Amino acid sequence: MTGRVTAGTNNLFTVECDDGVIRNCTIKGKVLKADTEFYNPIAPGDFVEIEIDPLNDEKGQVLNIQPRKNTYLRWNVKGRCPQLLASNLDYLILVTTPDQPPFRPRFTDRALAQAEHQGITPVIVCNKWDLAALMQNDGRLEEYEAIERRLSIWEELGYKVLRISAKSGEGMLQFAQLLEDKLSAFVGQSGVGKSSLINVMDSNVVLKTGSLSKKYGRGNHTTTKGSLIHLTLNEALMDGIQGRKADIIDTPGIRRFVLDQVECRDLGLYFREIEPYIGKCKFGLDCQHLSEPGCAVKAALEEGKISPERFDSFMRIAEEIRTGNWQD
């Protein structure tokens, strides 16, 4: 029997099987020992082969994982090993906000680099865009303009960027239509509104939403484990057509995104505007793009081919990889 994993923790996974039965499955013996380097060997979105428990038709054991189209992962600092977040994705939805919690573009840049490394198509979604207008009216015009500039830089690099609001409904029509018939994983810091977006797209799904910490302006974790959710898209978002579907993997809110399997000397390969110049410096791949003579990356920066904001983000992330001192 084969099926798709929708959720799991420790050694218990929920599997939607081909016969229509949803089974709770454990891993049989050490058949997945090749994946023991992971914090979790199986992720939502995985297709697996199972053996049905002869004494209980609603239980089973995972025998094997079918070949994956892709995986999205991060380095789990606490567990000191890679953590699989989702598998077999069409889109990676990187959710951020202009405010509440504060806009943190380096978090998004890290997640983009990991998506480029894994070969997954990312989409940047700036939720709570209704707050952007408030920023302009509250004397925070300069802060708003910096956010809009960073979003525009990502757009110029070819990334799809959506400015939307689960609260006001702005942009939700375009967002829902993008997700139709796709499997997408939502990734973002706690409090950016991933669960709220899902609740708006399917009124039959009611996910718990959390409030922000008043002291730090950060979100509290409301999604504690990743899960695959089947949405029946709100007909109001689908031109009145009923029955349109989308699959979402809602991942836990992440406070600190740490890259996995990306070496410092290779980081530039996963920044679209920097990649063309990697290896063309006077010192080749050994160039750290600081003050070395003949640095092709610094020359491109001076010529305006690389934005100062992204270059600064690139250098900071490179330093984090070198030192292991990752910031929120």
Protein backbone atom coordinates (compact mmCIF):
# COMPACT_ATOMS: atom_id res chain seq x y z
CA MET A 1 0.00 0.00 0.00
CA THR A 2 1.23 3.50 -0.77
CA GLY A 3 0.14 6.83 0.63
CA ARG A 4 1.09 10.44 1.35
CA VAL A 5 2.29 11.69 4.73
CA THR A 6 0.21 14.56 6.09
CA ALA A 7 1.78 14.97 9.53
CA GLY A 8 4.16 13.33 11.94
CA THR A 9 6.23 13.70 15.06
CA ASN A 10 8.86 11.44 16.60
CA ASN A 11 8.01 8.00 15.15
CA LEU A 12 4.29 8.38 14.49
CA PHE A 13 3.07 9.59 11.09
CA THR A 14 -0.37 10.18 9.62
CA VAL A 15 -0.61 8.66 6.13
CA GLU A 16 -3.45 9.08 3.61
CA CYS A 17 -3.41 5.73 1.87
CA ASP A 18 -4.45 4.92 -1.68
CA ASP A 19 -7.46 2.92 -0.45
CA GLY A 20 -8.91 6.05 1.20
CA VAL A 21 -8.03 5.05 4.76
CA ILE A 22 -6.02 7.42 6.95
CA ARG A 23 -3.57 5.38 9.02
CA ASN A 24 -1.25 6.08 11.93
CA CYS A 25 2.08 4.58 10.97
CA THR A 26 5.44 3.99 12.59
CA ILE A 27 8.76 3.28 10.91
CA LYS A 28 9.48 -0.42 10.64
CA GLY A 29 12.81 -1.38 12.17
CA LYS A 30 15.76 0.43 10.64
CA VAL A 31 14.59 0.46 7.04
CA LEU A 32 15.09 4.25 6.90
CA LYS A 33 18.56 4.21 8.42
CA ALA A 34 19.89 6.13 5.39
CA ASP A 35 17.97 9.16 6.67
CA THR A 36 19.06 8.98 10.28
CA GLU A 37 21.10 12.15 9.82
CA PHE A 38 17.84 14.09 9.76
CA TYR A 39 16.04 15.46 12.80
CA ASN A 40 12.97 13.82 11.25
CA PRO A 41 13.36 11.25 8.42
CA ILE A 42 9.86 11.81 6.97
CA ALA A 43 8.06 15.09 6.23
CA PRO A 44 4.56 16.15 5.16
CA GLY A 45 4.29 15.68 1.41
CA ASP A 46 6.34 12.47 1.34
CA PHE A 47 4.95 9.47 -0.52
CA VAL A 48 5.63 6.25 1.36
CA GLU A 49 5.08 2.52 1.07
CA ILE A 50 3.46 0.98 4.11
CA GLU A 51 2.57 -2.41 5.50
CA ILE A 52 -0.92 -2.55 7.06
CA ASP A 53 -1.14 -3.85 10.61
CA PRO A 54 -2.91 -7.26 10.34
CA LEU A 55 -4.64 -6.65 13.69
CA ASN A 56 -5.76 -3.07 13.09
CA ASP A 57 -6.66 -1.74 9.63
CA GLU A 58 -6.12 1.86 10.81
CA LYS A 59 -2.45 1.30 11.66
CA GLY A 60 0.63 0.43 9.67
CA GLN A 61 4.39 0.57 9.36
CA VAL A 62 6.40 2.62 6.88
CA LEU A 63 8.61 0.40 4.75
CA ASN A 64 10.12 2.89 2.34
CA ILE A 65 10.02 6.49 1.08
CA GLN A 66 9.36 6.95 -2.62
CA PRO A 67 11.80 9.17 -4.57
CA ARG A 68 11.23 12.85 -3.78
CA LYS A 69 10.85 15.65 -6.34
CA ASN A 70 12.43 18.01 -3.81
CA THR A 71 12.69 18.71 -0.11
CA TYR A 72 12.77 21.90 1.92
CA LEU A 73 14.80 21.87 5.08
CA ARG A 74 16.74 23.95 7.56
CA TRP A 75 19.46 23.28 10.12
CA ASN A 76 17.89 22.53 13.50
CA VAL A 77 20.20 24.22 16.00
CA LYS A 78 18.78 22.44 19.04
CA GLY A 79 18.94 19.00 17.45
CA ARG A 80 22.24 19.77 15.65
CA CYS A 81 21.05 18.13 12.43
CA PRO A 82 18.96 18.96 9.32
CA GLN A 83 15.20 19.22 9.79
CA LEU A 84 12.89 18.35 6.91
CA LEU A 85 9.99 20.79 6.68
CA ALA A 86 8.19 19.59 3.53
CA SER A 87 8.63 17.41 0.43
CA ASN A 88 7.48 17.30 -3.19
CA LEU A 89 6.54 20.98 -3.41
CA ASP A 90 5.33 23.06 -6.32
CA TYR A 91 5.84 26.35 -4.44
CA LEU A 92 7.55 27.54 -1.31
CA ILE A 93 5.54 30.44 0.11
CA LEU A 94 7.79 32.72 2.16
CA VAL A 95 5.48 34.77 4.35
CA THR A 96 6.68 38.05 5.82
CA THR A 97 5.05 41.26 7.10
CA PRO A 98 5.80 45.00 6.95
CA ASP A 99 5.07 45.26 10.67
CA GLN A 100 3.78 43.25 13.64
CA PRO A 101 6.15 41.39 13.64
CA PRO A 102 8.80 43.70 12.14
CA PHE A 103 9.99 43.23 8.56
CA ARG A 104 13.14 41.05 8.56
CA PRO A 105 14.49 40.78 5.01
CA ARG A 106 17.54 38.72 6.00
CA PHE A 107 15.26 35.93 7.20
CA THR A 108 13.68 35.93 3.75
CA ASP A 109 17.09 36.08 2.03
CA ARG A 110 18.21 33.00 3.99
CA ALA A 111 15.03 31.13 3.09
CA LEU A 112 15.42 32.17 -0.57
CA ALA A 113 19.00 30.88 -0.64
CA GLN A 114 17.86 27.54 0.78
CA ALA A 115 15.07 27.36 -1.83
CA GLU A 116 17.59 28.05 -4.61
CA HIS A 117 19.85 25.34 -3.19
CA GLN A 118 16.97 22.84 -3.12
CA GLY A 119 15.65 23.80 -6.56
CA ILE A 120 12.20 24.90 -5.35
CA THR A 121 10.21 27.82 -6.79
CA PRO A 122 9.75 30.45 -4.05
CA VAL A 123 6.99 33.04 -3.81
CA ILE A 124 7.38 35.97 -1.39
CA VAL A 125 4.12 36.96 0.30
CA CYS A 126 4.03 40.15 2.35
CA ASN A 127 0.94 39.66 4.52
CA LYS A 128 -0.69 42.38 6.65
CA TRP A 129 -0.14 44.86 3.83
CA ASP A 130 -2.93 46.97 5.33
CA LEU A 131 -0.35 47.95 7.97
CA ALA A 132 1.85 49.51 5.28
CA ALA A 133 -0.65 52.34 4.80
CA LEU A 134 -0.69 52.92 8.55
CA MET A 135 3.10 53.19 8.57
CA GLN A 136 2.92 56.01 6.02
CA ASN A 137 0.28 57.83 8.05
CA ASP A 138 2.12 57.36 11.35
CA GLY A 139 5.26 59.19 10.32
CA ARG A 140 7.14 56.05 9.33
CA LEU A 141 7.40 56.88 5.64
CA GLU A 142 11.14 56.20 5.47
CA GLU A 143 10.67 52.76 7.02
CA TYR A 144 7.85 51.98 4.59
CA GLU A 145 9.95 53.08 1.61
CA ALA A 146 12.81 50.80 2.71
CA ILE A 147 10.41 47.84 2.83
CA GLU A 148 8.93 48.67 -0.57
CA ARG A 149 12.43 48.98 -2.02
CA ARG A 150 13.43 45.54 -0.74
CA LEU A 151 10.25 43.97 -2.14
CA SER A 152 10.98 45.66 -5.48
CA ILE A 153 14.56 44.36 -5.48
CA TRP A 154 13.27 40.79 -5.10
CA GLU A 155 10.82 41.41 -7.94
CA GLU A 156 13.62 42.73 -10.18
CA LEU A 157 15.50 39.48 -9.52
CA GLY A 158 12.57 37.52 -10.93
CA TYR A 159 10.90 36.44 -7.70
CA LYS A 160 7.13 36.63 -7.54
CA VAL A 161 6.13 39.03 -4.75
CA LEU A 162 2.55 39.45 -3.52
CA ARG A 163 1.39 42.25 -1.22
CA ILE A 164 -1.70 40.89 0.48
CA SER A 165 -3.78 41.06 3.64
CA ALA A 166 -5.75 38.26 5.27
CA LYS A 167 -7.56 40.94 7.28
CA SER A 168 -8.65 43.29 4.49
CA GLY A 169 -8.74 40.73 1.67
CA GLU A 170 -6.31 42.70 -0.50
CA GLY A 171 -4.54 40.42 -2.98
CA MET A 172 -6.21 37.24 -1.70
CA LEU A 173 -7.89 36.53 -5.05
CA GLN A 174 -4.54 36.43 -6.87
CA PHE A 175 -2.96 34.41 -4.06
CA ALA A 176 -5.68 31.74 -3.99
CA GLN A 177 -5.61 31.35 -7.77
CA LEU A 178 -1.82 30.91 -7.68
CA LEU A 179 -2.14 28.05 -5.19
CA GLU A 180 -4.93 26.21 -7.01
CA ASP A 181 -4.08 22.55 -7.77
CA LYS A 182 -0.60 22.97 -6.26
CA LEU A 183 1.19 21.72 -3.16
CA SER A 184 2.76 24.69 -1.38
CA ALA A 185 4.54 25.01 1.96
CA PHE A 186 4.12 28.14 4.08
CA VAL A 187 7.35 29.19 5.82
CA GLY A 188 7.83 32.25 7.98
CA GLN A 189 8.49 33.63 11.41
CA SER A 190 5.92 33.24 14.17
CA GLY A 191 3.19 35.86 13.95
CA VAL A 192 3.31 36.62 10.21
CA GLY A 193 -0.19 35.19 9.73
CA LYS A 194 0.29 31.86 7.94
CA SER A 195 -2.70 30.31 9.73
CA SER A 196 -4.84 33.40 9.12
CA LEU A 197 -4.18 33.18 5.37
CA ILE A 198 -5.28 29.54 5.35
CA ASN A 199 -8.43 30.34 7.33
CA VAL A 200 -9.42 33.02 4.79
CA MET A 201 -8.89 30.75 1.79
CA ASP A 202 -11.05 27.94 3.18
CA SER A 203 -13.81 28.91 5.61
CA ASN A 204 -14.14 25.27 6.68
CA VAL A 205 -10.60 25.23 8.07
CA VAL A 206 -10.20 26.90 11.43
CA LEU A 207 -6.58 27.02 12.52
CA LYS A 208 -5.56 28.57 15.81
CA THR A 209 -4.02 32.02 15.43
CA GLY A 210 -1.78 33.71 17.98
CA SER A 211 -1.09 37.17 19.30
CA LEU A 212 2.21 39.03 19.30
CA SER A 213 4.45 39.44 22.31
CA LYS A 214 3.94 43.04 23.47
CA LYS A 215 7.51 43.22 24.73
CA TYR A 216 9.32 41.94 21.64
CA GLY A 217 6.76 42.32 18.83
CA ARG A 218 7.27 38.66 17.93
CA GLY A 219 4.71 35.99 17.32
CA ASN A 220 4.03 33.06 19.59
CA HIS A 221 4.13 29.55 18.15
CA THR A 222 0.60 28.38 17.30
CA THR A 223 1.55 25.65 14.77
CA THR A 224 3.73 23.17 16.64
CA LYS A 225 4.27 20.63 13.87
CA GLY A 226 4.04 20.65 10.09
CA SER A 227 0.84 19.34 8.57
CA LEU A 228 -0.59 18.98 5.06
CA ILE A 229 -4.04 20.55 4.74
CA HIS A 230 -6.46 20.03 1.85
CA LEU A 231 -8.22 23.31 1.08
CA THR A 232 -11.48 23.80 -0.75
CA LEU A 233 -10.88 27.34 -1.92
CA ASN A 234 -13.44 29.94 -0.97
CA GLU A 235 -15.65 30.44 -4.03
CA ALA A 236 -15.52 34.19 -3.48
CA LEU A 237 -11.82 33.98 -4.33
CA MET A 238 -12.39 31.75 -7.37
CA ASP A 239 -14.83 33.83 -9.43
CA GLY A 240 -17.80 32.07 -7.81
CA ILE A 241 -16.66 28.60 -8.89
CA GLN A 242 -17.12 25.93 -6.22
CA GLY A 243 -14.90 22.96 -5.49
CA ARG A 244 -11.50 24.36 -6.45
CA LYS A 245 -8.71 22.72 -4.45
CA ALA A 246 -5.25 23.50 -3.13
CA ASP A 247 -2.90 21.64 -0.80
CA ILE A 248 -0.93 23.53 1.84
CA ILE A 249 1.77 22.40 4.23
CA ASP A 250 1.57 24.68 7.24
CA THR A 251 5.00 24.63 8.91
CA PRO A 252 5.73 25.76 12.48
CA GLY A 253 6.74 29.38 12.91
CA ILE A 254 10.52 29.76 12.79
CA ARG A 255 12.31 32.39 14.83
CA ARG A 256 15.79 31.70 13.47
CA PHE A 257 16.28 30.22 9.98
CA VAL A 258 19.68 28.53 9.68
CA LEU A 259 20.87 27.34 6.26
CA ASP A 260 21.69 23.67 5.77
CA GLN A 261 24.30 22.17 3.42
CA VAL A 262 25.34 25.60 2.11
CA GLU A 263 29.06 26.30 2.45
CA CYS A 264 30.33 29.86 2.79
CA ARG A 265 32.22 29.74 -0.53
CA ASP A 266 29.08 28.49 -2.32
CA LEU A 267 26.59 30.97 -0.83
CA GLY A 268 26.88 33.33 -3.80
CA LEU A 269 25.59 30.59 -6.09
CA TYR A 270 22.21 30.94 -4.39
CA PHE A 271 21.98 34.74 -4.74
CA ARG A 272 20.71 35.24 -8.30
CA GLU A 273 22.48 38.55 -8.90
CA ILE A 274 25.78 37.38 -7.39
CA GLU A 275 25.96 33.92 -8.99
CA PRO A 276 27.23 35.18 -12.42
CA TYR A 277 30.37 36.60 -10.78
CA ILE A 278 31.30 33.68 -8.51
CA GLY A 279 34.66 32.21 -9.53
CA LYS A 280 35.56 35.22 -11.69
CA CYS A 281 37.44 37.11 -8.96
CA LYS A 282 41.24 37.32 -9.06
CA PHE A 283 41.42 34.85 -6.18
CA GLY A 284 38.67 32.63 -7.60
CA LEU A 285 36.48 30.81 -5.11
CA ASP A 286 38.83 31.83 -2.28
CA CYS A 287 37.75 35.47 -2.58
CA GLN A 288 35.68 36.60 0.41
CA HIS A 289 34.54 39.78 -1.42
CA LEU A 290 35.88 42.07 1.31
CA SER A 291 38.82 44.18 0.13
CA GLU A 292 40.65 41.72 -2.15
CA PRO A 293 41.96 43.20 -5.43
CA GLY A 294 40.23 42.09 -8.60
CA CYS A 295 36.96 41.11 -6.89
CA ALA A 296 34.31 40.66 -9.60
CA VAL A 297 31.48 40.78 -7.05
CA LYS A 298 32.60 44.13 -5.59
CA ALA A 299 33.03 45.50 -9.12
CA ALA A 300 29.45 44.48 -9.95
CA LEU A 301 28.29 46.15 -6.74
CA GLU A 302 30.03 49.41 -7.68
CA GLU A 303 28.50 49.24 -11.16
CA GLY A 304 25.00 48.94 -9.70
CA LYS A 305 24.47 45.36 -10.86
CA ILE A 306 24.08 44.18 -7.26
CA SER A 307 22.01 46.19 -4.79
CA PRO A 308 23.74 47.35 -1.58
CA GLU A 309 20.91 45.86 0.49
CA ARG A 310 21.31 42.37 -0.94
CA PHE A 311 25.11 42.54 -0.86
CA ASP A 312 24.97 43.49 2.82
CA SER A 313 22.59 40.58 3.45
CA PHE A 314 24.90 38.23 1.53
CA MET A 315 27.94 39.30 3.54
CA ARG A 316 26.13 39.02 6.87
CA ILE A 317 24.84 35.54 6.05
CA ALA A 318 28.34 34.49 4.92
CA GLU A 319 29.70 35.67 8.27
CA GLU A 320 26.99 33.70 10.08
CA ILE A 321 28.01 30.56 8.19
CA ARG A 322 31.69 31.15 9.01
CA THR A 323 31.14 31.80 12.72
CA GLY A 324 28.03 29.73 13.42
CA ASN A 325 26.55 32.80 15.14
CA TRP A 326 23.12 33.02 13.52
CA GLN A 327 20.85 35.97 14.28
CA ASP A 328 17.07 36.05 14.58
